[in-house]
């Protein structure tokens, strides 16, 4: 058993310890109980937008149901089960190409969850949620924050409450 002292020495040095991965803390739900969809960062792009008034750029992502609806023009209304994610960044100039505007600091991630039965009471058929900044802090003190979302989206109520213009890929 000549290897036992060597193995013990390596373990003491931490060279035989199993690697550990820090678990990311679970993001708190929005005040209305909605949660950030797992893996939304890997969803397909449906569109982009640039808010001149907020000097921010946004990418609109969708789950599989939303992407299928967007690609086939079936967004009036969006189908139940569709989830739209709008991720916003402060715009900044590209360091090596000053004429280009690129994403800077992460501002927020906003979600619209389509379920015409579950969210019928708010008159839109959508559930709304927002998380602010890289720490994903839930927006709003209580579930009444949804009123802000609905009031903001009222101008597009005839388009099923969505500002999103799906980008054409053909």
C-alpha atoms as a PDB file:
ATOM      1  CA  UNK A   1       0.000   0.000   0.000  1.00  0.00           C
ATOM      2  CA  UNK A   2       2.662   2.484  -1.016  1.00  0.00           C
ATOM      3  CA  UNK A   3       0.040   4.628  -2.798  1.00  0.00           C
ATOM      4  CA  UNK A   4      -2.017   5.396   0.296  1.00  0.00           C
ATOM      5  CA  UNK A   5       0.342   8.106   1.636  1.00  0.00           C
ATOM      6  CA  UNK A   6       0.535   9.691  -1.828  1.00  0.00           C
ATOM      7  CA  UNK A   7      -3.250   9.606  -2.225  1.00  0.00           C
ATOM      8  CA  UNK A   8      -3.662  11.082   1.264  1.00  0.00           C
ATOM      9  CA  UNK A   9      -1.200  13.857   0.460  1.00  0.00           C
ATOM     10  CA  UNK A  10      -2.979  14.672  -2.813  1.00  0.00           C
ATOM     11  CA  UNK A  11      -6.334  14.806  -1.045  1.00  0.00           C
ATOM     12  CA  UNK A  12      -4.926  17.118   1.600  1.00  0.00           C
ATOM     13  CA  UNK A  13      -3.754  19.413  -1.170  1.00  0.00           C
ATOM     14  CA  UNK A  14      -7.227  19.310  -2.664  1.00  0.00           C
ATOM     15  CA  UNK A  15      -6.039  17.687  -5.861  1.00  0.00           C
ATOM     16  CA  UNK A  16      -8.353  14.688  -5.610  1.00  0.00           C
ATOM     17  CA  UNK A  17     -11.440  16.524  -4.443  1.00  0.00           C
ATOM     18  CA  UNK A  18     -14.508  16.322  -6.641  1.00  0.00           C
ATOM     19  CA  UNK A  19     -15.110  19.571  -8.499  1.00  0.00           C
ATOM     20  CA  UNK A  20     -17.915  21.674  -7.136  1.00  0.00           C
ATOM     21  CA  UNK A  21     -20.185  23.925  -9.111  1.00  0.00           C
ATOM     22  CA  UNK A  22     -21.848  26.801  -7.354  1.00  0.00           C
ATOM     23  CA  UNK A  23     -25.583  26.528  -7.795  1.00  0.00           C
ATOM     24  CA  UNK A  24     -27.195  29.696  -9.007  1.00  0.00           C
ATOM     25  CA  UNK A  25     -29.875  30.778  -6.552  1.00  0.00           C
ATOM     26  CA  UNK A  26     -33.412  30.333  -7.858  1.00  0.00           C
ATOM     27  CA  UNK A  27     -34.952  33.577  -9.061  1.00  0.00           C
ATOM     28  CA  UNK A  28     -37.886  34.725  -6.951  1.00  0.00           C
ATOM     29  CA  UNK A  29     -41.260  34.667  -8.708  1.00  0.00           C
ATOM     30  CA  UNK A  30     -43.017  37.859  -9.744  1.00  0.00           C
ATOM     31  CA  UNK A  31     -45.511  39.235  -7.189  1.00  0.00           C
ATOM     32  CA  UNK A  32     -48.329  37.534  -9.124  1.00  0.00           C
ATOM     33  CA  UNK A  33     -46.628  34.132  -8.783  1.00  0.00           C
ATOM     34  CA  UNK A  34     -45.334  33.827 -12.354  1.00  0.00           C
ATOM     35  CA  UNK A  35     -41.822  32.463 -12.735  1.00  0.00           C
ATOM     36  CA  UNK A  36     -39.077  33.025 -15.273  1.00  0.00           C
ATOM     37  CA  UNK A  37     -39.303  30.163 -17.780  1.00  0.00           C
ATOM     38  CA  UNK A  38     -36.324  27.874 -17.433  1.00  0.00           C
ATOM     39  CA  UNK A  39     -33.924  28.110 -20.363  1.00  0.00           C
ATOM     40  CA  UNK A  40     -35.575  31.158 -21.961  1.00  0.00           C
ATOM     41  CA  UNK A  41     -32.103  32.451 -22.839  1.00  0.00           C
ATOM     42  CA  UNK A  42     -31.925  29.716 -25.484  1.00  0.00           C
ATOM     43  CA  UNK A  43     -35.282  30.460 -27.141  1.00  0.00           C
ATOM     44  CA  UNK A  44     -35.394  31.574 -30.761  1.00  0.00           C
ATOM     45  CA  UNK A  45     -35.520  35.235 -31.727  1.00  0.00           C
ATOM     46  CA  UNK A  46     -38.896  36.473 -32.932  1.00  0.00           C
ATOM     47  CA  UNK A  47     -37.991  40.144 -33.304  1.00  0.00           C
ATOM     48  CA  UNK A  48     -35.888  43.064 -32.105  1.00  0.00           C
ATOM     49  CA  UNK A  49     -36.733  46.618 -31.142  1.00  0.00           C
ATOM     50  CA  UNK A  50     -34.921  49.818 -30.355  1.00  0.00           C
ATOM     51  CA  UNK A  51     -36.500  52.266 -27.903  1.00  0.00           C
ATOM     52  CA  UNK A  52     -35.233  55.718 -28.794  1.00  0.00           C
ATOM     53  CA  UNK A  53     -37.055  57.247 -25.815  1.00  0.00           C
ATOM     54  CA  UNK A  54     -35.314  54.861 -23.387  1.00  0.00           C
ATOM     55  CA  UNK A  55     -32.009  54.527 -25.258  1.00  0.00           C
ATOM     56  CA  UNK A  56     -32.360  50.773 -25.063  1.00  0.00           C
ATOM     57  CA  UNK A  57     -32.345  47.810 -27.371  1.00  0.00           C
ATOM     58  CA  UNK A  58     -34.448  44.726 -26.971  1.00  0.00           C
ATOM     59  CA  UNK A  59     -34.652  41.235 -28.319  1.00  0.00           C
ATOM     60  CA  UNK A  60     -37.977  39.411 -28.305  1.00  0.00           C
ATOM     61  CA  UNK A  61     -37.648  35.677 -27.820  1.00  0.00           C
ATOM     62  CA  UNK A  62     -40.367  33.037 -27.864  1.00  0.00           C
ATOM     63  CA  UNK A  63     -40.988  29.557 -26.613  1.00  0.00           C
ATOM     64  CA  UNK A  64     -41.672  26.906 -29.285  1.00  0.00           C
ATOM     65  CA  UNK A  65     -45.396  27.754 -29.412  1.00  0.00           C
ATOM     66  CA  UNK A  66     -44.731  31.478 -29.890  1.00  0.00           C
ATOM     67  CA  UNK A  67     -42.038  30.902 -32.533  1.00  0.00           C
ATOM     68  CA  UNK A  68     -44.298  28.595 -34.535  1.00  0.00           C
ATOM     69  CA  UNK A  69     -47.103  31.192 -34.383  1.00  0.00           C
ATOM     70  CA  UNK A  70     -44.783  34.039 -35.366  1.00  0.00           C
ATOM     71  CA  UNK A  71     -43.256  32.154 -38.306  1.00  0.00           C
ATOM     72  CA  UNK A  72     -46.696  31.155 -39.624  1.00  0.00           C
ATOM     73  CA  UNK A  73     -48.386  34.532 -39.076  1.00  0.00           C
ATOM     74  CA  UNK A  74     -50.770  33.154 -36.446  1.00  0.00           C
ATOM     75  CA  UNK A  75     -50.419  35.990 -33.931  1.00  0.00           C
ATOM     76  CA  UNK A  76     -53.888  37.526 -33.965  1.00  0.00           C
ATOM     77  CA  UNK A  77     -54.529  36.138 -31.470  1.00  0.00           C
ATOM     78  CA  UNK A  78     -51.378  34.466 -30.213  1.00  0.00           C
ATOM     79  CA  UNK A  79     -52.117  30.834 -29.284  1.00  0.00           C
ATOM     80  CA  UNK A  80     -52.556  29.694 -25.708  1.00  0.00           C
ATOM     81  CA  UNK A  81     -49.244  28.459 -24.326  1.00  0.00           C
ATOM     82  CA  UNK A  82     -47.208  31.101 -26.172  1.00  0.00           C
ATOM     83  CA  UNK A  83     -44.666  32.921 -24.044  1.00  0.00           C
ATOM     84  CA  UNK A  84     -42.916  36.057 -25.261  1.00  0.00           C
ATOM     85  CA  UNK A  85     -39.738  37.238 -23.557  1.00  0.00           C
ATOM     86  CA  UNK A  86     -38.459  40.771 -24.082  1.00  0.00           C
ATOM     87  CA  UNK A  87     -34.911  41.286 -22.833  1.00  0.00           C
ATOM     88  CA  UNK A  88     -33.713  44.904 -22.700  1.00  0.00           C
ATOM     89  CA  UNK A  89     -30.229  46.390 -22.494  1.00  0.00           C
ATOM     90  CA  UNK A  90     -29.008  49.965 -22.298  1.00  0.00           C
ATOM     91  CA  UNK A  91     -27.537  50.835 -25.666  1.00  0.00           C
ATOM     92  CA  UNK A  92     -23.862  51.615 -25.920  1.00  0.00           C
ATOM     93  CA  UNK A  93     -21.491  52.277 -28.803  1.00  0.00           C
ATOM     94  CA  UNK A  94     -19.247  49.499 -30.014  1.00  0.00           C
ATOM     95  CA  UNK A  95     -15.739  50.337 -28.815  1.00  0.00           C
ATOM     96  CA  UNK A  96     -14.067  49.326 -32.090  1.00  0.00           C
ATOM     97  CA  UNK A  97     -16.831  50.627 -34.349  1.00  0.00           C
ATOM     98  CA  UNK A  98     -18.345  53.823 -32.889  1.00  0.00           C
ATOM     99  CA  UNK A  99     -21.124  53.954 -35.507  1.00  0.00           C
ATOM    100  CA  UNK A 100     -22.544  50.676 -34.162  1.00  0.00           C
ATOM    101  CA  UNK A 101     -24.883  50.446 -31.182  1.00  0.00           C
ATOM    102  CA  UNK A 102     -24.617  47.263 -29.106  1.00  0.00           C
ATOM    103  CA  UNK A 103     -26.123  45.906 -25.878  1.00  0.00           C
ATOM    104  CA  UNK A 104     -24.661  47.368 -22.706  1.00  0.00           C
ATOM    105  CA  UNK A 105     -25.952  46.906 -19.168  1.00  0.00           C
ATOM    106  CA  UNK A 106     -28.850  44.454 -18.799  1.00  0.00           C
ATOM    107  CA  UNK A 107     -31.961  46.420 -17.830  1.00  0.00           C
ATOM    108  CA  UNK A 108     -34.729  43.854 -17.498  1.00  0.00           C
ATOM    109  CA  UNK A 109     -36.459  40.755 -18.785  1.00  0.00           C
ATOM    110  CA  UNK A 110     -40.209  40.970 -19.326  1.00  0.00           C
ATOM    111  CA  UNK A 111     -42.567  38.108 -20.112  1.00  0.00           C
ATOM    112  CA  UNK A 112     -46.064  37.696 -21.501  1.00  0.00           C
ATOM    113  CA  UNK A 113     -47.714  34.305 -20.878  1.00  0.00           C
ATOM    114  CA  UNK A 114     -50.748  33.569 -23.097  1.00  0.00           C
ATOM    115  CA  UNK A 115     -53.529  31.590 -21.429  1.00  0.00           C
ATOM    116  CA  UNK A 116     -56.949  32.924 -22.379  1.00  0.00           C
ATOM    117  CA  UNK A 117     -58.682  31.011 -19.555  1.00  0.00           C
ATOM    118  CA  UNK A 118     -56.192  31.477 -16.722  1.00  0.00           C
ATOM    119  CA  UNK A 119     -55.798  35.214 -17.409  1.00  0.00           C
ATOM    120  CA  UNK A 120     -59.351  35.985 -18.546  1.00  0.00           C
ATOM    121  CA  UNK A 121     -60.066  38.091 -15.451  1.00  0.00           C
ATOM    122  CA  UNK A 122     -57.613  40.847 -16.462  1.00  0.00           C
ATOM    123  CA  UNK A 123     -59.328  41.230 -19.826  1.00  0.00           C
ATOM    124  CA  UNK A 124     -56.249  40.428 -21.913  1.00  0.00           C
ATOM    125  CA  UNK A 125     -55.742  36.671 -21.767  1.00  0.00           C
ATOM    126  CA  UNK A 126     -52.102  37.326 -20.881  1.00  0.00           C
ATOM    127  CA  UNK A 127     -50.118  37.020 -17.662  1.00  0.00           C
ATOM    128  CA  UNK A 128     -47.400  39.617 -17.206  1.00  0.00           C
ATOM    129  CA  UNK A 129     -44.096  39.606 -15.314  1.00  0.00           C
ATOM    130  CA  UNK A 130     -40.837  41.539 -15.197  1.00  0.00           C
ATOM    131  CA  UNK A 131     -37.481  41.031 -13.527  1.00  0.00           C
ATOM    132  CA  UNK A 132     -35.020  43.910 -13.247  1.00  0.00           C
ATOM    133  CA  UNK A 133     -31.258  43.883 -13.754  1.00  0.00           C
ATOM    134  CA  UNK A 134     -28.720  41.080 -13.749  1.00  0.00           C
ATOM    135  CA  UNK A 135     -29.858  39.978 -10.289  1.00  0.00           C
ATOM    136  CA  UNK A 136     -33.357  39.390 -11.703  1.00  0.00           C
ATOM    137  CA  UNK A 137     -35.196  41.296  -9.016  1.00  0.00           C
ATOM    138  CA  UNK A 138     -38.975  40.821  -9.364  1.00  0.00           C
ATOM    139  CA  UNK A 139     -40.744  44.036 -10.388  1.00  0.00           C
ATOM    140  CA  UNK A 140     -43.698  45.321  -8.386  1.00  0.00           C
ATOM    141  CA  UNK A 141     -44.754  45.299  -4.762  1.00  0.00           C
ATOM    142  CA  UNK A 142     -47.827  43.145  -5.350  1.00  0.00           C
ATOM    143  CA  UNK A 143     -49.817  41.621  -8.194  1.00  0.00           C
ATOM    144  CA  UNK A 144     -51.345  45.008  -9.055  1.00  0.00           C
ATOM    145  CA  UNK A 145     -48.177  45.832 -11.046  1.00  0.00           C
ATOM    146  CA  UNK A 146     -49.894  44.066 -13.972  1.00  0.00           C
ATOM    147  CA  UNK A 147     -52.122  47.126 -14.368  1.00  0.00           C
ATOM    148  CA  UNK A 148     -49.056  49.070 -15.566  1.00  0.00           C
ATOM    149  CA  UNK A 149     -48.359  46.411 -18.183  1.00  0.00           C
ATOM    150  CA  UNK A 150     -51.939  46.388 -19.407  1.00  0.00           C
ATOM    151  CA  UNK A 151     -52.134  50.194 -19.552  1.00  0.00           C
ATOM    152  CA  UNK A 152     -48.878  50.350 -21.527  1.00  0.00           C
ATOM    153  CA  UNK A 153     -50.072  47.680 -23.973  1.00  0.00           C
ATOM    154  CA  UNK A 154     -53.579  49.161 -24.390  1.00  0.00           C
ATOM    155  CA  UNK A 155     -52.667  50.890 -27.693  1.00  0.00           C
ATOM    156  CA  UNK A 156     -52.086  47.432 -29.218  1.00  0.00           C
ATOM    157  CA  UNK A 157     -55.088  45.681 -27.682  1.00  0.00           C
ATOM    158  CA  UNK A 158     -56.417  45.003 -31.189  1.00  0.00           C
ATOM    159  CA  UNK A 159     -53.157  43.139 -31.913  1.00  0.00           C
ATOM    160  CA  UNK A 160     -53.711  40.827 -28.945  1.00  0.00           C
ATOM    161  CA  UNK A 161     -51.855  43.212 -26.625  1.00  0.00           C
ATOM    162  CA  UNK A 162     -48.438  42.528 -28.199  1.00  0.00           C
ATOM    163  CA  UNK A 163     -46.158  45.216 -29.606  1.00  0.00           C
ATOM    164  CA  UNK A 164     -44.058  42.493 -31.213  1.00  0.00           C
ATOM    165  CA  UNK A 165     -43.713  42.589 -34.996  1.00  0.00           C
ATOM    166  CA  UNK A 166     -42.269  39.186 -35.897  1.00  0.00           C
ATOM    167  CA  UNK A 167     -39.176  39.648 -38.068  1.00  0.00           C
ATOM    168  CA  UNK A 168     -39.332  38.183 -41.571  1.00  0.00           C
ATOM    169  CA  UNK A 169     -36.711  35.595 -42.375  1.00  0.00           C
ATOM    170  CA  UNK A 170     -37.710  35.245 -46.035  1.00  0.00           C
END
